Amino acid sequence: HPAPITELDRLLAVHTLLFSRPDPATLLDLTGA
């Protein structure tokens, strides 16, 4: 890739979005509205 570190940065952001485990403190109860 012509800018491999920039591309690696993008891939890490995608990986974090898809595969990071959620922070328990931020979870919302799936009830009501």
PDB file of all heavy atoms in Angstrom:
ATOM      1  N   HIS A   1       0.853  -1.188   0.000  1.00  0.00           N
ATOM      2  CA  HIS A   1       0.000   0.000   0.000  1.00  0.00           C
ATOM      3  C   HIS A   1       0.890   1.239   0.000  1.00  0.00           C
ATOM      4  O   HIS A   1       1.952   1.241   0.642  1.00  0.00           O
ATOM      5  CB  HIS A   1      -0.889  -0.022   1.251  1.00  0.00           C
ATOM      6  CG  HIS A   1      -2.037   0.921   1.206  1.00  0.00           C
ATOM      7  ND1 HIS A   1      -1.899   2.270   1.465  1.00  0.00           N
ATOM      8  CD2 HIS A   1      -3.356   0.722   0.940  1.00  0.00           C
ATOM      9  CE1 HIS A   1      -3.086   2.852   1.361  1.00  0.00           C
ATOM     10  NE2 HIS A   1      -3.980   1.938   1.039  1.00  0.00           N
ATOM     11  N   PRO A   2       0.487   2.315  -0.686  1.00  0.00           N
ATOM     12  CA  PRO A   2       1.320   3.521  -0.701  1.00  0.00           C
ATOM     13  C   PRO A   2       1.404   4.230   0.645  1.00  0.00           C
ATOM     14  O   PRO A   2       2.351   4.968   0.899  1.00  0.00           O
ATOM     15  CB  PRO A   2       0.645   4.406  -1.756  1.00  0.00           C
ATOM     16  CG  PRO A   2      -0.747   3.889  -1.870  1.00  0.00           C
ATOM     17  CD  PRO A   2      -0.646   2.420  -1.617  1.00  0.00           C
ATOM     18  N   ALA A   3       0.403   4.007   1.512  1.00  0.00           N
ATOM     19  CA  ALA A   3       0.416   4.597   2.859  1.00  0.00           C
ATOM     20  C   ALA A   3       0.031   3.509   3.862  1.00  0.00           C
ATOM     21  O   ALA A   3      -1.062   3.519   4.427  1.00  0.00           O
ATOM     22  CB  ALA A   3      -0.547   5.773   2.941  1.00  0.00           C
ATOM     23  N   PRO A   4       0.909   2.538   4.084  1.00  0.00           N
ATOM     24  CA  PRO A   4       0.520   1.360   4.868  1.00  0.00           C
ATOM     25  C   PRO A   4       0.169   1.643   6.317  1.00  0.00           C
ATOM     26  O   PRO A   4      -0.713   0.987   6.870  1.00  0.00           O
ATOM     27  CB  PRO A   4       1.753   0.449   4.766  1.00  0.00           C
ATOM     28  CG  PRO A   4       2.889   1.373   4.444  1.00  0.00           C
ATOM     29  CD  PRO A   4       2.296   2.445   3.597  1.00  0.00           C
ATOM     30  N   ILE A   5       0.825   2.602   6.961  1.00  0.00           N
ATOM     31  CA  ILE A   5       0.518   2.867   8.366  1.00  0.00           C
ATOM     32  C   ILE A   5      -0.846   3.541   8.495  1.00  0.00           C
ATOM     33  O   ILE A   5      -1.629   3.222   9.395  1.00  0.00           O
ATOM     34  CB  ILE A   5       1.628   3.706   9.016  1.00  0.00           C
ATOM     35  CG1 ILE A   5       2.944   2.918   9.009  1.00  0.00           C
ATOM     36  CG2 ILE A   5       1.266   4.088  10.444  1.00  0.00           C
ATOM     37  CD1 ILE A   5       4.132   3.677   9.537  1.00  0.00           C
ATOM     38  N   THR A   6      -1.166   4.449   7.573  1.00  0.00           N
ATOM     39  CA  THR A   6      -2.497   5.064   7.562  1.00  0.00           C
ATOM     40  C   THR A   6      -3.569   4.006   7.344  1.00  0.00           C
ATOM     41  O   THR A   6      -4.617   4.013   7.999  1.00  0.00           O
ATOM     42  CB  THR A   6      -2.574   6.127   6.458  1.00  0.00           C
ATOM     43  OG1 THR A   6      -1.605   7.141   6.725  1.00  0.00           O
ATOM     44  CG2 THR A   6      -3.953   6.763   6.400  1.00  0.00           C
ATOM     45  N   GLU A   7      -3.309   3.080   6.445  1.00  0.00           N
ATOM     46  CA  GLU A   7      -4.270   2.007   6.191  1.00  0.00           C
ATOM     47  C   GLU A   7      -4.386   1.078   7.396  1.00  0.00           C
ATOM     48  O   GLU A   7      -5.487   0.622   7.742  1.00  0.00           O
ATOM     49  CB  GLU A   7      -3.850   1.216   4.951  1.00  0.00           C
ATOM     50  CG  GLU A   7      -4.734   0.036   4.598  1.00  0.00           C
ATOM     51  CD  GLU A   7      -6.169   0.400   4.234  1.00  0.00           C
ATOM     52  OE1 GLU A   7      -6.500   1.597   4.150  1.00  0.00           O
ATOM     53  OE2 GLU A   7      -6.969  -0.536   4.043  1.00  0.00           O
ATOM     54  N   LEU A   8      -3.274   0.810   8.065  1.00  0.00           N
ATOM     55  CA  LEU A   8      -3.318  -0.021   9.270  1.00  0.00           C
ATOM     56  C   LEU A   8      -4.134   0.664  10.358  1.00  0.00           C
ATOM     57  O   LEU A   8      -4.886  -0.003  11.088  1.00  0.00           O
ATOM     58  CB  LEU A   8      -1.897  -0.299   9.754  1.00  0.00           C
ATOM     59  CG  LEU A   8      -1.732  -1.287  10.905  1.00  0.00           C
ATOM     60  CD1 LEU A   8      -2.272  -2.661  10.532  1.00  0.00           C
ATOM     61  CD2 LEU A   8      -0.264  -1.384  11.309  1.00  0.00           C
ATOM     62  N   ASP A   9      -4.008   1.965  10.469  1.00  0.00           N
ATOM     63  CA  ASP A   9      -4.805   2.743  11.414  1.00  0.00           C
ATOM     64  C   ASP A   9      -6.291   2.568  11.123  1.00  0.00           C
ATOM     65  O   ASP A   9      -7.112   2.380  12.030  1.00  0.00           O
ATOM     66  CB  ASP A   9      -4.415   4.224  11.296  1.00  0.00           C
ATOM     67  CG  ASP A   9      -4.437   4.945  12.624  1.00  0.00           C
ATOM     68  OD1 ASP A   9      -4.925   4.370  13.609  1.00  0.00           O
ATOM     69  OD2 ASP A   9      -3.963   6.090  12.675  1.00  0.00           O
ATOM     70  N   ARG A  10      -6.665   2.629   9.843  1.00  0.00           N
ATOM     71  CA  ARG A  10      -8.065   2.444   9.460  1.00  0.00           C
ATOM     72  C   ARG A  10      -8.556   1.037   9.807  1.00  0.00           C
ATOM     73  O   ARG A  10      -9.663   0.855  10.345  1.00  0.00           O
ATOM     74  CB  ARG A  10      -8.234   2.697   7.950  1.00  0.00           C
ATOM     75  CG  ARG A  10      -9.694   2.650   7.477  1.00  0.00           C
ATOM     76  CD  ARG A  10      -9.791   2.667   5.960  1.00  0.00           C
ATOM     77  NE  ARG A  10      -9.335   1.427   5.373  1.00  0.00           N
ATOM     78  CZ  ARG A  10     -10.084   0.323   5.275  1.00  0.00           C
ATOM     79  NH1 ARG A  10     -11.324   0.302   5.750  1.00  0.00           N
ATOM     80  NH2 ARG A  10      -9.601  -0.767   4.719  1.00  0.00           N
ATOM     81  N   LEU A  11      -7.726   0.044   9.529  1.00  0.00           N
ATOM     82  CA  LEU A  11      -8.114  -1.333   9.827  1.00  0.00           C
ATOM     83  C   LEU A  11      -8.297  -1.555  11.325  1.00  0.00           C
ATOM     84  O   LEU A  11      -9.207  -2.273  11.748  1.00  0.00           O
ATOM     85  CB  LEU A  11      -7.076  -2.304   9.275  1.00  0.00           C
ATOM     86  CG  LEU A  11      -6.988  -2.417   7.759  1.00  0.00           C
ATOM     87  CD1 LEU A  11      -5.854  -3.362   7.367  1.00  0.00           C
ATOM     88  CD2 LEU A  11      -8.304  -2.876   7.157  1.00  0.00           C
ATOM     89  N   LEU A  12      -7.435  -0.931  12.127  1.00  0.00           N
ATOM     90  CA  LEU A  12      -7.587  -1.074  13.573  1.00  0.00           C
ATOM     91  C   LEU A  12      -8.901  -0.455  14.051  1.00  0.00           C
ATOM     92  O   LEU A  12      -9.563  -1.013  14.929  1.00  0.00           O
ATOM     93  CB  LEU A  12      -6.407  -0.433  14.297  1.00  0.00           C
ATOM     94  CG  LEU A  12      -6.465  -0.492  15.828  1.00  0.00           C
ATOM     95  CD1 LEU A  12      -6.539  -1.936  16.328  1.00  0.00           C
ATOM     96  CD2 LEU A  12      -5.267   0.222  16.445  1.00  0.00           C
ATOM     97  N   ALA A  13      -9.296   0.666  13.464  1.00  0.00           N
ATOM     98  CA  ALA A  13     -10.571   1.286  13.829  1.00  0.00           C
ATOM     99  C   ALA A  13     -11.738   0.374  13.479  1.00  0.00           C
ATOM    100  O   ALA A  13     -12.687   0.222  14.265  1.00  0.00           O
ATOM    101  CB  ALA A  13     -10.723   2.636  13.129  1.00  0.00           C
ATOM    102  N   VAL A  14     -11.681  -0.276  12.321  1.00  0.00           N
ATOM    103  CA  VAL A  14     -12.736  -1.215  11.933  1.00  0.00           C
ATOM    104  C   VAL A  14     -12.737  -2.421  12.864  1.00  0.00           C
ATOM    105  O   VAL A  14     -13.799  -2.882  13.317  1.00  0.00           O
ATOM    106  CB  VAL A  14     -12.556  -1.656  10.467  1.00  0.00           C
ATOM    107  CG1 VAL A  14     -13.581  -2.739  10.108  1.00  0.00           C
ATOM    108  CG2 VAL A  14     -12.695  -0.469   9.530  1.00  0.00           C
ATOM    109  N   HIS A  15     -11.560  -2.934  13.161  1.00  0.00           N
ATOM    110  CA  HIS A  15     -11.450  -4.079  14.072  1.00  0.00           C
ATOM    111  C   HIS A  15     -12.028  -3.729  15.440  1.00  0.00           C
ATOM    112  O   HIS A  15     -12.759  -4.530  16.041  1.00  0.00           O
ATOM    113  CB  HIS A  15      -9.985  -4.481  14.213  1.00  0.00           C
ATOM    114  CG  HIS A  15      -9.765  -5.714  15.029  1.00  0.00           C
ATOM    115  ND1 HIS A  15      -9.772  -5.710  16.407  1.00  0.00           N
ATOM    116  CD2 HIS A  15      -9.529  -6.998  14.664  1.00  0.00           C
ATOM    117  CE1 HIS A  15      -9.560  -6.928  16.848  1.00  0.00           C
ATOM    118  NE2 HIS A  15      -9.404  -7.727  15.821  1.00  0.00           N
ATOM    119  N   THR A  16     -11.716  -2.548  15.939  1.00  0.00           N
ATOM    120  CA  THR A  16     -12.226  -2.118  17.243  1.00  0.00           C
ATOM    121  C   THR A  16     -13.753  -2.032  17.230  1.00  0.00           C
ATOM    122  O   THR A  16     -14.415  -2.461  18.177  1.00  0.00           O
ATOM    123  CB  THR A  16     -11.616  -0.754  17.620  1.00  0.00           C
ATOM    124  OG1 THR A  16     -10.194  -0.892  17.682  1.00  0.00           O
ATOM    125  CG2 THR A  16     -12.135  -0.270  18.966  1.00  0.00           C
ATOM    126  N   LEU A  17     -14.305  -1.486  16.153  1.00  0.00           N
ATOM    127  CA  LEU A  17     -15.761  -1.390  16.029  1.00  0.00           C
ATOM    128  C   LEU A  17     -16.419  -2.758  16.051  1.00  0.00           C
ATOM    129  O   LEU A  17     -17.397  -2.985  16.777  1.00  0.00           O
ATOM    130  CB  LEU A  17     -16.111  -0.670  14.727  1.00  0.00           C
ATOM    131  CG  LEU A  17     -17.598  -0.692  14.329  1.00  0.00           C
ATOM    132  CD1 LEU A  17     -18.431   0.130  15.309  1.00  0.00           C
ATOM    133  CD2 LEU A  17     -17.790  -0.187  12.907  1.00  0.00           C
ATOM    134  N   LEU A  18     -15.868  -3.692  15.299  1.00  0.00           N
ATOM    135  CA  LEU A  18     -16.527  -4.990  15.128  1.00  0.00           C
ATOM    136  C   LEU A  18     -16.258  -5.975  16.259  1.00  0.00           C
ATOM    137  O   LEU A  18     -17.155  -6.729  16.648  1.00  0.00           O
ATOM    138  CB  LEU A  18     -16.090  -5.623  13.808  1.00  0.00           C
ATOM    139  CG  LEU A  18     -16.494  -4.895  12.530  1.00  0.00           C
ATOM    140  CD1 LEU A  18     -15.918  -5.612  11.316  1.00  0.00           C
ATOM    141  CD2 LEU A  18     -18.010  -4.790  12.412  1.00  0.00           C
ATOM    142  N   PHE A  19     -15.046  -5.972  16.797  1.00  0.00           N
ATOM    143  CA  PHE A  19     -14.654  -7.078  17.650  1.00  0.00           C
ATOM    144  C   PHE A  19     -14.323  -6.722  19.097  1.00  0.00           C
ATOM    145  O   PHE A  19     -14.090  -7.621  19.898  1.00  0.00           O
ATOM    146  CB  PHE A  19     -13.459  -7.805  17.026  1.00  0.00           C
ATOM    147  CG  PHE A  19     -13.730  -8.305  15.637  1.00  0.00           C
ATOM    148  CD1 PHE A  19     -12.943  -7.907  14.568  1.00  0.00           C
ATOM    149  CD2 PHE A  19     -14.788  -9.165  15.397  1.00  0.00           C
ATOM    150  CE1 PHE A  19     -13.199  -8.362  13.290  1.00  0.00           C
ATOM    151  CE2 PHE A  19     -15.056  -9.627  14.115  1.00  0.00           C
ATOM    152  CZ  PHE A  19     -14.265  -9.224  13.056  1.00  0.00           C
ATOM    153  N   SER A  20     -14.305  -5.444  19.440  1.00  0.00           N
ATOM    154  CA  SER A  20     -14.057  -5.097  20.844  1.00  0.00           C
ATOM    155  C   SER A  20     -15.250  -5.499  21.699  1.00  0.00           C
ATOM    156  O   SER A  20     -16.401  -5.376  21.280  1.00  0.00           O
ATOM    157  CB  SER A  20     -13.811  -3.594  20.989  1.00  0.00           C
ATOM    158  OG  SER A  20     -12.591  -3.233  20.417  1.00  0.00           O
ATOM    159  N   ARG A  21     -14.975  -5.975  22.885  1.00  0.00           N
ATOM    160  CA  ARG A  21     -16.046  -6.314  23.824  1.00  0.00           C
ATOM    161  C   ARG A  21     -16.597  -5.017  24.421  1.00  0.00           C
ATOM    162  O   ARG A  21     -15.832  -4.091  24.719  1.00  0.00           O
ATOM    163  CB  ARG A  21     -15.513  -7.221  24.928  1.00  0.00           C
ATOM    164  CG  ARG A  21     -14.710  -8.403  24.409  1.00  0.00           C
ATOM    165  CD  ARG A  21     -15.563  -9.460  23.724  1.00  0.00           C
ATOM    166  NE  ARG A  21     -14.774 -10.389  22.925  1.00  0.00           N
ATOM    167  CZ  ARG A  21     -14.041 -11.390  23.410  1.00  0.00           C
ATOM    168  NH1 ARG A  21     -13.956 -11.576  24.713  1.00  0.00           N
ATOM    169  NH2 ARG A  21     -13.384 -12.197  22.604  1.00  0.00           N
ATOM    170  N   PRO A  22     -17.897  -4.920  24.603  1.00  0.00           N
ATOM    171  CA  PRO A  22     -18.469  -3.668  25.114  1.00  0.00           C
ATOM    172  C   PRO A  22     -18.077  -3.383  26.550  1.00  0.00           C
ATOM    173  O   PRO A  22     -17.829  -4.300  27.342  1.00  0.00           O
ATOM    174  CB  PRO A  22     -19.980  -3.905  24.987  1.00  0.00           C
ATOM    175  CG  PRO A  22     -20.149  -5.385  24.999  1.00  0.00           C
ATOM    176  CD  PRO A  22     -18.931  -5.941  24.322  1.00  0.00           C
ATOM    177  N   ASP A  23     -18.038  -2.100  26.879  1.00  0.00           N
ATOM    178  CA  ASP A  23     -17.797  -1.658  28.244  1.00  0.00           C
ATOM    179  C   ASP A  23     -19.069  -1.894  29.051  1.00  0.00           C
ATOM    180  O   ASP A  23     -20.115  -1.311  28.748  1.00  0.00           O
ATOM    181  CB  ASP A  23     -17.439  -0.169  28.237  1.00  0.00           C
ATOM    182  CG  ASP A  23     -17.184   0.390  29.627  1.00  0.00           C
ATOM    183  OD1 ASP A  23     -17.404  -0.329  30.625  1.00  0.00           O
ATOM    184  OD2 ASP A  23     -16.783   1.563  29.708  1.00  0.00           O
ATOM    185  N   PRO A  24     -19.036  -2.747  30.078  1.00  0.00           N
ATOM    186  CA  PRO A  24     -20.255  -3.044  30.847  1.00  0.00           C
ATOM    187  C   PRO A  24     -20.938  -1.801  31.404  1.00  0.00           C
ATOM    188  O   PRO A  24     -22.173  -1.766  31.540  1.00  0.00           O
ATOM    189  CB  PRO A  24     -19.753  -3.957  31.971  1.00  0.00           C
ATOM    190  CG  PRO A  24     -18.512  -4.580  31.421  1.00  0.00           C
ATOM    191  CD  PRO A  24     -17.885  -3.532  30.559  1.00  0.00           C
ATOM    192  N   ALA A  25     -20.156  -0.767  31.706  1.00  0.00           N
ATOM    193  CA  ALA A  25     -20.735   0.447  32.293  1.00  0.00           C
ATOM    194  C   ALA A  25     -21.599   1.211  31.310  1.00  0.00           C
ATOM    195  O   ALA A  25     -22.404   2.057  31.720  1.00  0.00           O
ATOM    196  CB  ALA A  25     -19.618   1.345  32.813  1.00  0.00           C
ATOM    197  N   THR A  26     -21.460   0.951  30.021  1.00  0.00           N
ATOM    198  CA  THR A  26     -22.215   1.705  29.015  1.00  0.00           C
ATOM    199  C   THR A  26     -23.432   0.953  28.484  1.00  0.00           C
ATOM    200  O   THR A  26     -24.220   1.520  27.726  1.00  0.00           O
ATOM    201  CB  THR A  26     -21.315   2.047  27.821  1.00  0.00           C
ATOM    202  OG1 THR A  26     -20.957   0.843  27.118  1.00  0.00           O
ATOM    203  CG2 THR A  26     -20.055   2.773  28.274  1.00  0.00           C
ATOM    204  N   LEU A  27     -23.599  -0.317  28.862  1.00  0.00           N
ATOM    205  CA  LEU A  27     -24.692  -1.120  28.324  1.00  0.00           C
ATOM    206  C   LEU A  27     -26.059  -0.575  28.733  1.00  0.00           C
ATOM    207  O   LEU A  27     -26.239  -0.084  29.847  1.00  0.00           O
ATOM    208  CB  LEU A  27     -24.550  -2.569  28.782  1.00  0.00           C
ATOM    209  CG  LEU A  27     -23.322  -3.322  28.244  1.00  0.00           C
ATOM    210  CD1 LEU A  27     -23.211  -4.687  28.905  1.00  0.00           C
ATOM    211  CD2 LEU A  27     -23.392  -3.467  26.735  1.00  0.00           C
ATOM    212  N   LEU A  28     -27.018  -0.689  27.825  1.00  0.00           N
ATOM    213  CA  LEU A  28     -28.381  -0.193  28.047  1.00  0.00           C
ATOM    214  C   LEU A  28     -29.339  -1.372  28.165  1.00  0.00           C
ATOM    215  O   LEU A  28     -29.232  -2.350  27.414  1.00  0.00           O
ATOM    216  CB  LEU A  28     -28.808   0.697  26.881  1.00  0.00           C
ATOM    217  CG  LEU A  28     -27.872   1.871  26.567  1.00  0.00           C
ATOM    218  CD1 LEU A  28     -28.270   2.515  25.248  1.00  0.00           C
ATOM    219  CD2 LEU A  28     -27.893   2.884  27.699  1.00  0.00           C
ATOM    220  N   ASP A  29     -30.285  -1.291  29.088  1.00  0.00           N
ATOM    221  CA  ASP A  29     -31.288  -2.344  29.228  1.00  0.00           C
ATOM    222  C   ASP A  29     -32.201  -2.357  28.003  1.00  0.00           C
ATOM    223  O   ASP A  29     -32.739  -1.315  27.601  1.00  0.00           O
ATOM    224  CB  ASP A  29     -32.130  -2.121  30.486  1.00  0.00           C
ATOM    225  CG  ASP A  29     -31.324  -2.349  31.761  1.00  0.00           C
ATOM    226  OD1 ASP A  29     -30.367  -3.137  31.717  1.00  0.00           O
ATOM    227  OD2 ASP A  29     -31.657  -1.724  32.789  1.00  0.00           O
ATOM    228  N   LEU A  30     -32.371  -3.534  27.434  1.00  0.00           N
ATOM    229  CA  LEU A  30     -33.187  -3.669  26.227  1.00  0.00           C
ATOM    230  C   LEU A  30     -34.637  -3.911  26.631  1.00  0.00           C
ATOM    231  O   LEU A  30     -35.183  -5.014  26.505  1.00  0.00           O
ATOM    232  CB  LEU A  30     -32.647  -4.809  25.359  1.00  0.00           C
ATOM    233  CG  LEU A  30     -33.137  -4.879  23.911  1.00  0.00           C
ATOM    234  CD1 LEU A  30     -32.898  -3.562  23.195  1.00  0.00           C
ATOM    235  CD2 LEU A  30     -32.429  -6.014  23.178  1.00  0.00           C
ATOM    236  N   THR A  31     -35.279  -2.860  27.144  1.00  0.00           N
ATOM    237  CA  THR A  31     -36.658  -2.928  27.629  1.00  0.00           C
ATOM    238  C   THR A  31     -37.394  -1.655  27.225  1.00  0.00           C
ATOM    239  O   THR A  31     -36.796  -0.678  26.767  1.00  0.00           O
ATOM    240  CB  THR A  31     -36.690  -3.048  29.163  1.00  0.00           C
ATOM    241  OG1 THR A  31     -35.990  -1.925  29.750  1.00  0.00           O
ATOM    242  CG2 THR A  31     -36.020  -4.332  29.631  1.00  0.00           C
ATOM    243  N   GLY A  32     -38.717  -1.681  27.422  1.00  0.00           N
ATOM    244  CA  GLY A  32     -39.538  -0.493  27.252  1.00  0.00           C
ATOM    245  C   GLY A  32     -39.414   0.147  25.888  1.00  0.00           C
ATOM    246  O   GLY A  32     -39.412  -0.523  24.844  1.00  0.00           O
ATOM    247  N   ALA A  33     -39.309   1.484  25.893  1.00  0.00           N
ATOM    248  CA  ALA A  33     -39.275   2.237  24.650  1.00  0.00           C
ATOM    249  C   ALA A  33     -38.065   1.886  23.799  1.00  0.00           C
ATOM    250  O   ALA A  33     -38.140   1.868  22.568  1.00  0.00           O
ATOM    251  CB  ALA A  33     -39.286   3.739  24.953  1.00  0.00           C
TER     252      ALA A  33
END
